[in-house]
Amino acid sequence: MIPIRQPQLLAYLTGTPLSIERGMAKGEGVKMDRRIFALALGLALAAFLAPRFAMAEDHLAEAIGHTKQAISVGEAGDADGLVVHAEAALTHADAALKEKANPHTAQGITHLNAAIAEGKKKDAKAATGHAEEALTHLQAAAK
């Protein structure tokens, strides 16, 4: 048999919550319930938002990577391939500029646009020059 103390037995027999039998005011148990609810809500919110912060992209690093690919493709004489990579770099550079304004990022975007324009004219050499200049600015923005 499980030993039952007198207050527990009295609370069971009368149907009265044990907290009232122990002399606690009626609202004291509610405060703890609110704290537990607030804690649970905070943990749920943190669990929901944490993956977004953990998986956030480094747009500037992506722009630098695509710009390097554009340069290597442009040096091989493939103007169309340069345009593809420069456009991808431009997308990431624009996102990086929206995250944090930086004059080097803005200059990099200007040169990426010029590289895309030259690449569409099938001038791989000029497009590569602009892509190299864009890379210099994007790397300066990353520092």
Protein backbone atom coordinates (compact mmCIF):
# COMPACT_ATOMS: atom_id res chain seq x y z
CA MET A 1 0.00 0.00 0.00
CA ILE A 2 1.23 3.51 -0.86
CA PRO A 3 1.48 5.75 2.18
CA ILE A 4 -0.82 8.77 1.85
CA ARG A 5 -0.32 11.78 4.05
CA GLN A 6 -3.27 13.35 5.75
CA PRO A 7 -3.39 16.57 3.62
CA GLN A 8 -3.37 14.52 0.43
CA LEU A 9 -6.14 12.29 1.72
CA LEU A 10 -8.19 15.24 2.86
CA ALA A 11 -7.76 16.94 -0.51
CA TYR A 12 -8.76 13.74 -2.29
CA LEU A 13 -11.84 13.14 -0.18
CA THR A 14 -13.11 16.72 -0.33
CA GLY A 15 -12.24 17.31 -3.99
CA THR A 16 -10.30 20.42 -3.02
CA PRO A 17 -6.99 21.13 -4.78
CA LEU A 18 -4.00 20.41 -2.60
CA SER A 19 -2.64 23.93 -3.12
CA ILE A 20 -5.60 25.40 -1.21
CA GLU A 21 -5.14 22.85 1.56
CA ARG A 22 -1.50 23.92 1.92
CA GLY A 23 -2.48 27.53 2.38
CA MET A 24 -1.65 28.82 -1.11
CA ALA A 25 -3.80 31.58 -2.44
CA LYS A 26 -6.06 30.75 -5.35
CA GLY A 27 -4.05 32.60 -8.02
CA GLU A 28 -0.56 31.40 -7.04
CA GLY A 29 -0.73 28.21 -9.07
CA VAL A 30 -1.80 30.22 -12.10
CA LYS A 31 1.42 32.29 -12.05
CA MET A 32 3.49 29.17 -12.42
CA ASP A 33 1.28 27.97 -15.26
CA ARG A 34 1.83 31.28 -17.07
CA ARG A 35 5.58 31.03 -16.60
CA ILE A 36 5.64 27.52 -17.98
CA PHE A 37 3.47 28.61 -20.91
CA ALA A 38 5.75 31.58 -21.62
CA LEU A 39 8.81 29.32 -21.45
CA ALA A 40 7.24 26.76 -23.78
CA LEU A 41 6.20 29.48 -26.20
CA GLY A 42 9.70 30.97 -26.19
CA LEU A 43 11.31 27.59 -26.82
CA ALA A 44 8.90 26.85 -29.65
CA LEU A 45 9.61 30.21 -31.25
CA ALA A 46 13.37 29.69 -30.93
CA ALA A 47 13.11 26.23 -32.46
CA PHE A 48 11.06 27.63 -35.33
CA LEU A 49 13.41 30.53 -36.12
CA ALA A 50 16.78 28.90 -35.42
CA PRO A 51 17.01 26.99 -38.72
CA ARG A 52 16.49 30.20 -40.67
CA PHE A 53 19.43 31.86 -38.98
CA ALA A 54 21.58 28.76 -39.21
CA MET A 55 20.86 28.30 -42.90
CA ALA A 56 21.21 31.95 -43.86
CA GLU A 57 23.25 32.36 -47.01
CA ASP A 58 26.38 34.43 -47.24
CA HIS A 59 25.40 36.23 -50.42
CA LEU A 60 28.70 38.05 -50.75
CA ALA A 61 30.64 34.77 -50.65
CA GLU A 62 28.29 33.29 -53.25
CA ALA A 63 28.75 36.35 -55.47
CA ILE A 64 32.53 36.03 -55.19
CA GLY A 65 32.37 32.33 -56.09
CA HIS A 66 30.20 32.91 -59.16
CA THR A 67 32.41 35.82 -60.24
CA LYS A 68 35.48 33.56 -60.06
CA GLN A 69 33.65 30.98 -62.19
CA ALA A 70 32.70 33.70 -64.67
CA ILE A 71 36.35 34.76 -64.93
CA SER A 72 37.60 31.22 -65.53
CA VAL A 73 34.94 30.60 -68.19
CA GLY A 74 35.65 33.99 -69.78
CA GLU A 75 39.37 33.28 -69.93
CA ALA A 76 38.50 30.14 -71.87
CA GLY A 77 36.70 32.37 -74.40
CA ASP A 78 33.14 31.31 -73.56
CA ALA A 79 31.22 34.59 -73.43
CA ASP A 80 27.83 32.88 -72.98
CA GLY A 81 29.09 30.90 -69.97
CA LEU A 82 30.52 34.08 -68.51
CA VAL A 83 27.12 35.74 -68.79
CA VAL A 84 25.43 32.84 -66.95
CA HIS A 85 27.86 32.99 -64.03
CA ALA A 86 27.95 36.79 -63.95
CA GLU A 87 24.15 36.91 -63.75
CA ALA A 88 24.21 34.46 -60.82
CA ALA A 89 26.89 36.59 -59.16
CA LEU A 90 24.80 39.70 -59.77
CA THR A 91 21.78 38.13 -58.06
CA HIS A 92 23.82 37.35 -54.95
CA ALA A 93 25.60 40.71 -55.00
CA ASP A 94 22.24 42.51 -55.10
CA ALA A 95 21.06 40.46 -52.11
CA ALA A 96 24.31 41.25 -50.26
CA LEU A 97 23.84 44.96 -50.95
CA LYS A 98 20.29 44.80 -49.55
CA GLU A 99 21.58 43.06 -46.41
CA LYS A 100 24.36 45.58 -45.84
CA ALA A 101 25.08 48.66 -47.91
CA ASN A 102 28.71 48.86 -49.01
CA PRO A 103 30.26 51.03 -51.75
CA HIS A 104 32.54 48.17 -52.84
CA THR A 105 29.53 45.92 -53.35
CA ALA A 106 27.84 48.65 -55.39
CA GLN A 107 30.95 49.01 -57.57
CA GLY A 108 31.11 45.24 -57.96
CA ILE A 109 27.50 45.26 -59.16
CA THR A 110 28.35 47.98 -61.69
CA HIS A 111 31.20 45.90 -63.11
CA LEU A 112 29.10 42.73 -63.14
CA ASN A 113 26.47 44.57 -65.19
CA ALA A 114 29.23 45.72 -67.57
CA ALA A 115 30.59 42.16 -67.79
CA ILE A 116 27.12 40.86 -68.65
CA ALA A 117 26.68 43.55 -71.32
CA GLU A 118 30.07 42.76 -72.89
CA GLY A 119 29.42 39.03 -72.69
CA LYS A 120 26.13 39.43 -74.55
CA LYS A 121 28.11 41.21 -77.29
CA LYS A 122 30.29 38.04 -77.42
CA ASP A 123 33.38 39.99 -76.28
CA ALA A 124 34.79 37.53 -73.75
CA LYS A 125 38.01 39.47 -73.21
CA ALA A 126 36.31 42.73 -72.20
CA ALA A 127 33.72 40.87 -70.15
CA THR A 128 36.46 39.02 -68.28
CA GLY A 129 38.17 42.34 -67.50
CA HIS A 130 34.98 43.70 -65.96
CA ALA A 131 34.43 40.45 -64.05
CA GLU A 132 37.97 40.70 -62.63
CA GLU A 133 37.31 44.27 -61.54
CA ALA A 134 34.01 43.17 -59.98
CA LEU A 135 35.86 40.42 -58.11
CA THR A 136 38.33 42.96 -56.70
CA HIS A 137 35.48 45.10 -55.37
CA LEU A 138 33.49 42.17 -53.98
CA GLN A 139 36.54 40.82 -52.17
CA ALA A 140 37.17 44.28 -50.71
CA ALA A 141 33.57 44.37 -49.49
CA ALA A 142 34.04 41.01 -47.80
CA LYS A 143 36.91 42.32 -45.65
